[in-house]
Amino acid sequence: MTDQTIHKTVLLKETIGGLDIHDGSVIVDGTLGGGGHTKLICQINPTAKVYAFDLDGDAITRSKDILNGCNVEYIQSNFRNIKEELSERGVEEVDGIVLDLGFSSDQLESAGRGISFQKDEPLIMTLSDKGDGVTAREIVNEWGEETLADIIYGFGEDRAARKIAKAIVDSRLEAPIETTFQLKEIVYQAVPFFRRKGKIHPATQTFQAIRIAVNEELEVLRDVLKDGFEILKPGGKMSVISFHSLEDRIVKKFFREKEDVGLAKRVTKKPIISGEEELKENRRARSAKLRILEKL
């Protein structure tokens, strides 16, 4: 664990500025990460109360120094439990919700769970540090070839999904697949040759797909959008930053449906994306899309 955050929060001012924070605002930071959103909320209005969620206990520990003096209550829990966790604390309504669906650089660099293939780490991929739930190792070594292909195609949108799934199954017959580098090499060898020369590593979509499956990320997103909207006060706003098309489609569909039935209005008809300056400073920003919804 590192004591200092290296994470750069994407679309920070746009995300928090869209919440219209005022004296006594109650805000949920559903994805604390490096603490960037909560820190700006504190700077804008120190009287605002933030309930900050993160599954990763290390993220909470790192953020406490950064957020010293801020009015924050930390909740080590999945943000899909937003209603239950807040209700236990006597909170039934909030003024704003921030959901940054990306991974913090701290998690990628120091989690040791194989979330990224940039380092050779055990195939775990869980966001929680509690050691519960299915792991990536179980998925690649125990799940059937057809199921693997469906995951890689459905969650990774990779057209080579069947070839990759077959390569995984063939490889594990010889020896268990234990690390990120093993899986990365299997995928690399399985994809068509022209894919190996592209700017994006051929294993990117497979890792995304398996991580989504491990953490049930799309189901969790649907849950937090639904329950988060229910606890928003009239006039309250929800800012959501997504980093891949599957997430953005879910957010876009949810926001549009709420607007269509007159329960909300989309503050952003089209997603806000990063400008040239932010893109130069942070390459993660290139895939970020921010959408903001106001409850009526």
Protein backbone atom coordinates (compact mmCIF):
# COMPACT_ATOMS: atom_id res chain seq x y z
CA MET A 1 0.00 0.00 0.00
CA THR A 2 1.19 3.49 -0.79
CA ASP A 3 0.39 6.41 1.50
CA GLN A 4 0.15 8.93 -1.33
CA THR A 5 -2.31 9.04 -4.17
CA ILE A 6 -1.02 9.26 -7.75
CA HIS A 7 -4.52 9.39 -9.22
CA LYS A 8 -5.60 12.30 -11.41
CA THR A 9 -9.34 12.80 -11.28
CA VAL A 10 -10.90 13.17 -14.73
CA LEU A 11 -13.39 15.97 -15.56
CA LEU A 12 -13.20 17.08 -11.94
CA LYS A 13 -14.49 20.67 -12.18
CA GLU A 14 -17.24 19.74 -14.64
CA THR A 15 -18.44 16.87 -12.46
CA ILE A 16 -18.60 18.75 -9.18
CA GLY A 17 -19.65 22.06 -10.74
CA GLY A 18 -22.72 20.33 -12.12
CA LEU A 19 -23.97 19.49 -8.62
CA ASP A 20 -24.67 23.11 -7.55
CA ILE A 21 -23.33 22.59 -4.04
CA HIS A 22 -24.72 24.95 -1.36
CA ASP A 23 -24.55 25.39 2.40
CA GLY A 24 -25.39 22.14 4.13
CA SER A 25 -25.51 20.05 0.95
CA VAL A 26 -25.48 16.30 1.50
CA ILE A 27 -23.47 14.60 -1.22
CA VAL A 28 -22.60 10.97 -1.92
CA ASP A 29 -19.21 10.27 -3.46
CA GLY A 30 -19.92 6.74 -4.62
CA THR A 31 -16.36 6.11 -5.75
CA LEU A 32 -13.93 7.81 -3.37
CA GLY A 33 -10.76 6.59 -5.09
CA GLY A 34 -8.05 9.23 -4.73
CA GLY A 35 -10.42 11.64 -2.97
CA GLY A 36 -10.39 14.26 -5.73
CA HIS A 37 -14.14 14.78 -5.95
CA THR A 38 -14.66 15.00 -2.22
CA LYS A 39 -11.73 17.37 -1.81
CA LEU A 40 -13.19 19.81 -4.35
CA ILE A 41 -16.62 19.58 -2.70
CA CYS A 42 -14.96 20.49 0.60
CA GLN A 43 -13.14 23.42 -0.99
CA ILE A 44 -16.29 24.76 -2.66
CA ASN A 45 -18.32 24.61 0.54
CA PRO A 46 -16.85 23.27 3.80
CA THR A 47 -20.35 22.94 5.28
CA ALA A 48 -21.26 20.24 2.76
CA LYS A 49 -21.41 16.71 4.20
CA VAL A 50 -19.99 13.93 2.03
CA TYR A 51 -20.69 10.23 2.44
CA ALA A 52 -17.75 8.61 0.66
CA PHE A 53 -18.00 5.00 -0.51
CA ASP A 54 -15.15 2.71 -1.49
CA LEU A 55 -14.73 -1.06 -1.37
CA ASP A 56 -10.98 -0.64 -1.06
CA GLY A 57 -9.87 0.04 2.52
CA ASP A 58 -6.50 1.26 1.25
CA ALA A 59 -8.22 3.98 -0.77
CA ILE A 60 -10.03 5.19 2.33
CA THR A 61 -6.81 5.23 4.34
CA ARG A 62 -4.97 7.20 1.64
CA SER A 63 -7.77 9.73 1.35
CA LYS A 64 -8.00 10.55 5.04
CA ASP A 65 -4.81 12.64 4.92
CA ILE A 66 -5.92 14.42 1.75
CA LEU A 67 -9.34 15.15 3.21
CA ASN A 68 -8.23 16.13 6.69
CA GLY A 69 -10.60 18.79 8.01
CA CYS A 70 -13.37 17.98 5.53
CA ASN A 71 -16.84 16.95 6.63
CA VAL A 72 -16.62 13.33 5.41
CA GLU A 73 -18.02 10.02 6.60
CA TYR A 74 -16.25 7.03 5.08
CA ILE A 75 -18.19 3.90 4.14
CA GLN A 76 -16.26 0.79 3.09
CA SER A 77 -18.96 -0.81 1.00
CA ASN A 78 -20.06 -1.28 -2.59
CA PHE A 79 -22.02 1.73 -3.82
CA ARG A 80 -24.84 -0.60 -4.85
CA ASN A 81 -25.66 -0.57 -1.10
CA ILE A 82 -26.21 3.19 -1.14
CA LYS A 83 -29.78 3.18 0.24
CA GLU A 84 -29.10 0.62 2.95
CA GLU A 85 -25.83 2.20 4.14
CA LEU A 86 -27.24 5.73 4.25
CA SER A 87 -30.47 4.60 5.92
CA GLU A 88 -28.41 3.00 8.69
CA ARG A 89 -26.91 6.46 9.24
CA GLY A 90 -30.30 8.17 9.32
CA VAL A 91 -29.99 9.64 5.82
CA GLU A 92 -33.02 9.21 3.55
CA GLU A 93 -32.41 12.02 1.02
CA VAL A 94 -29.33 13.59 -0.56
CA ASP A 95 -28.64 16.66 -2.70
CA GLY A 96 -26.15 15.11 -5.07
CA ILE A 97 -24.42 11.92 -6.13
CA VAL A 98 -21.05 11.50 -7.87
CA LEU A 99 -20.17 8.23 -9.59
CA ASP A 100 -16.76 7.95 -11.25
CA LEU A 101 -16.83 4.51 -12.83
CA GLY A 102 -13.15 4.43 -13.72
CA PHE A 103 -10.36 2.77 -11.80
CA SER A 104 -8.03 4.95 -9.78
CA SER A 105 -4.38 4.88 -10.75
CA ASP A 106 -3.65 3.84 -7.17
CA GLN A 107 -5.63 0.63 -7.64
CA LEU A 108 -3.89 -0.13 -10.90
CA GLU A 109 -0.43 0.53 -9.46
CA SER A 110 -0.59 -0.93 -5.99
CA ALA A 111 -3.59 -3.18 -5.49
CA GLY A 112 -1.70 -6.34 -6.47
CA ARG A 113 -4.93 -7.92 -7.68
CA GLY A 114 -4.26 -8.19 -11.40
CA ILE A 115 -6.70 -5.46 -12.39
CA SER A 116 -4.23 -4.35 -15.08
CA PHE A 117 -1.85 -6.39 -17.22
CA GLN A 118 0.86 -3.74 -16.91
CA LYS A 119 2.33 -5.71 -14.01
CA ASP A 120 2.69 -9.46 -13.47
CA GLU A 121 0.24 -10.09 -10.63
CA PRO A 122 -2.08 -12.86 -9.43
CA LEU A 123 -5.35 -13.12 -11.35
CA ILE A 124 -7.77 -11.77 -8.76
CA MET A 125 -9.37 -8.57 -10.15
CA THR A 126 -11.73 -8.03 -7.22
CA LEU A 127 -12.25 -4.40 -6.20
CA SER A 128 -12.87 -5.40 -2.60
CA ASP A 129 -9.92 -6.08 -0.32
CA LYS A 130 -11.99 -8.47 1.80
CA GLY A 131 -11.20 -11.55 -0.28
CA ASP A 132 -14.82 -12.47 -0.98
CA GLY A 133 -16.52 -13.42 -4.23
CA VAL A 134 -15.35 -15.06 -7.43
CA THR A 135 -11.87 -14.25 -8.76
CA ALA A 136 -10.49 -13.93 -12.28
CA ARG A 137 -8.41 -17.06 -11.66
CA GLU A 138 -11.60 -19.09 -11.09
CA ILE A 139 -13.19 -17.69 -14.23
CA VAL A 140 -10.28 -18.43 -16.59
CA ASN A 141 -9.53 -21.85 -15.10
CA GLU A 142 -12.99 -23.22 -14.32
CA TRP A 143 -15.67 -21.63 -16.49
CA GLY A 144 -16.69 -23.28 -19.74
CA GLU A 145 -15.39 -22.23 -23.14
CA GLU A 146 -18.77 -21.02 -24.39
CA THR A 147 -19.34 -18.98 -21.23
CA LEU A 148 -15.88 -17.43 -21.55
CA ALA A 149 -16.58 -16.52 -25.16
CA ASP A 150 -19.90 -14.94 -24.21
CA ILE A 151 -18.25 -12.85 -21.48
CA ILE A 152 -15.39 -11.67 -23.69
CA TYR A 153 -17.77 -10.76 -26.50
CA GLY A 154 -20.54 -9.33 -24.31
CA PHE A 155 -18.46 -7.39 -21.80
CA GLY A 156 -15.35 -6.80 -23.91
CA GLU A 157 -16.99 -6.43 -27.32
CA ASP A 158 -14.10 -8.42 -28.81
CA ARG A 159 -14.84 -10.10 -32.16
CA ALA A 160 -12.09 -12.62 -31.51
CA ALA A 161 -13.89 -13.82 -28.36
CA ARG A 162 -14.29 -17.44 -29.50
CA LYS A 163 -10.65 -17.78 -30.49
CA ILE A 164 -9.55 -16.24 -27.20
CA ALA A 165 -11.84 -18.49 -25.16
CA LYS A 166 -10.55 -21.59 -26.95
CA ALA A 167 -6.95 -20.50 -26.38
CA ILE A 168 -7.63 -20.03 -22.66
CA VAL A 169 -9.20 -23.48 -22.35
CA ASP A 170 -6.40 -25.15 -24.35
CA SER A 171 -3.77 -23.44 -22.22
CA ARG A 172 -5.28 -24.38 -18.87
CA LEU A 173 -5.29 -28.05 -19.88
CA GLU A 174 -1.50 -27.89 -19.78
CA ALA A 175 -1.21 -25.83 -16.58
CA PRO A 176 -3.39 -23.47 -14.53
CA ILE A 177 -3.42 -19.81 -15.60
CA GLU A 178 -2.26 -17.94 -12.51
CA THR A 179 -1.00 -14.48 -13.48
CA THR A 180 -1.84 -11.45 -15.59
CA PHE A 181 1.20 -11.94 -17.83
CA GLN A 182 0.18 -15.53 -18.59
CA LEU A 183 -3.32 -14.45 -19.60
CA LYS A 184 -2.01 -11.48 -21.57
CA GLU A 185 0.28 -13.72 -23.62
CA ILE A 186 -2.47 -16.27 -24.28
CA VAL A 187 -4.74 -13.54 -25.65
CA TYR A 188 -1.93 -11.97 -27.65
CA GLN A 189 -1.23 -15.25 -29.42
CA ALA A 190 -4.92 -15.98 -30.02
CA VAL A 191 -5.95 -12.79 -31.84
CA PRO A 192 -5.42 -12.19 -35.57
CA PHE A 193 -1.92 -11.00 -36.44
CA PHE A 194 -3.00 -7.47 -37.47
CA ARG A 195 -4.41 -6.90 -33.95
CA ARG A 196 -0.94 -7.34 -32.45
CA LYS A 197 0.31 -4.21 -34.19
CA GLY A 198 -2.45 -1.87 -33.01
CA LYS A 199 -2.18 0.97 -30.51
CA ILE A 200 -4.42 -0.87 -28.04
CA HIS A 201 -3.03 -4.10 -26.62
CA PRO A 202 -5.06 -7.12 -27.80
CA ALA A 203 -5.68 -8.22 -24.20
CA THR A 204 -7.36 -4.95 -23.17
CA GLN A 205 -10.90 -6.04 -23.96
CA THR A 206 -10.49 -9.50 -22.42
CA PHE A 207 -9.20 -8.04 -19.16
CA GLN A 208 -12.06 -5.54 -19.13
CA ALA A 209 -14.59 -8.32 -19.71
CA ILE A 210 -13.28 -10.59 -16.98
CA ARG A 211 -13.02 -7.71 -14.50
CA ILE A 212 -16.63 -6.73 -15.23
CA ALA A 213 -17.73 -10.34 -14.67
CA VAL A 214 -15.75 -10.68 -11.43
CA ASN A 215 -17.25 -7.52 -9.93
CA GLU A 216 -20.71 -7.68 -11.55
CA GLU A 217 -20.04 -4.10 -12.59
CA LEU A 218 -22.96 -3.61 -14.97
CA GLU A 219 -25.51 -5.05 -12.55
CA VAL A 220 -24.02 -2.91 -9.79
CA LEU A 221 -24.27 0.20 -11.98
CA ARG A 222 -27.95 -0.44 -12.71
CA ASP A 223 -28.60 -0.89 -8.98
CA VAL A 224 -26.86 2.30 -7.90
CA LEU A 225 -28.54 4.39 -10.61
CA LYS A 226 -31.96 3.13 -9.54
CA ASP A 227 -31.46 3.43 -5.79
CA GLY A 228 -29.42 6.61 -6.05
CA PHE A 229 -32.16 8.32 -8.03
CA GLU A 230 -34.74 7.28 -5.44
CA ILE A 231 -32.87 9.03 -2.62
CA LEU A 232 -32.15 12.21 -4.58
CA LYS A 233 -34.17 15.21 -3.42
CA PRO A 234 -36.19 17.10 -6.03
CA GLY A 235 -33.64 19.43 -7.63
CA GLY A 236 -30.84 17.04 -6.67
CA LYS A 237 -28.32 16.04 -9.30
CA MET A 238 -26.39 12.96 -10.25
CA SER A 239 -23.03 13.20 -12.06
CA VAL A 240 -21.77 9.99 -13.66
CA ILE A 241 -18.44 9.51 -15.45
CA SER A 242 -18.14 6.36 -17.55
CA PHE A 243 -15.07 5.02 -19.31
CA HIS A 244 -16.39 2.45 -21.77
CA SER A 245 -19.36 2.11 -24.06
CA LEU A 246 -21.24 -0.53 -22.06
CA GLU A 247 -21.39 1.71 -18.98
CA ASP A 248 -22.22 4.82 -20.98
CA ARG A 249 -25.13 3.07 -22.72
CA ILE A 250 -26.60 2.05 -19.36
CA VAL A 251 -26.28 5.59 -17.96
CA LYS A 252 -27.64 7.19 -21.14
CA LYS A 253 -30.64 4.83 -21.22
CA PHE A 254 -31.45 5.35 -17.54
CA PHE A 255 -31.24 9.15 -17.78
CA ARG A 256 -33.35 9.23 -20.95
CA GLU A 257 -36.04 7.00 -19.44
CA LYS A 258 -36.34 9.20 -16.35
CA GLU A 259 -36.65 12.28 -18.55
CA ASP A 260 -39.19 10.65 -20.86
CA VAL A 261 -41.59 9.98 -17.97
CA GLY A 262 -41.15 13.48 -16.55
CA LEU A 263 -39.23 12.53 -13.41
CA ALA A 264 -35.99 14.22 -14.38
CA LYS A 265 -34.23 16.32 -16.96
CA ARG A 266 -30.87 15.70 -18.53
CA VAL A 267 -28.56 18.60 -17.73
CA THR A 268 -26.25 17.22 -20.42
CA LYS A 269 -28.05 16.12 -23.58
CA LYS A 270 -24.69 15.00 -24.93
CA PRO A 271 -21.86 13.78 -22.71
CA ILE A 272 -19.15 16.18 -21.61
CA ILE A 273 -15.68 15.06 -22.68
CA SER A 274 -12.20 16.26 -21.75
CA GLY A 275 -10.58 19.20 -23.50
CA GLU A 276 -7.19 19.22 -25.15
CA GLU A 277 -5.32 20.38 -22.05
CA GLU A 278 -6.67 17.59 -19.86
CA LEU A 279 -6.04 15.02 -22.58
CA LYS A 280 -2.38 16.06 -22.71
CA GLU A 281 -2.01 15.72 -18.94
CA ASN A 282 -3.99 12.53 -18.45
CA ARG A 283 -4.37 9.91 -21.16
CA ARG A 284 -7.08 8.13 -19.15
CA ALA A 285 -9.29 11.12 -19.90
CA ARG A 286 -9.62 10.22 -23.58
CA SER A 287 -12.40 7.70 -22.96
CA ALA A 288 -14.24 9.57 -20.18
CA LYS A 289 -17.82 10.72 -20.67
CA LEU A 290 -19.72 12.77 -18.10
CA ARG A 291 -23.52 12.83 -17.96
CA ILE A 292 -25.54 14.84 -15.41
CA LEU A 293 -29.19 14.33 -14.45
CA GLU A 294 -31.46 16.55 -12.34
CA LYS A 295 -34.40 15.05 -10.47
CA LEU A 296 -37.64 17.03 -10.83
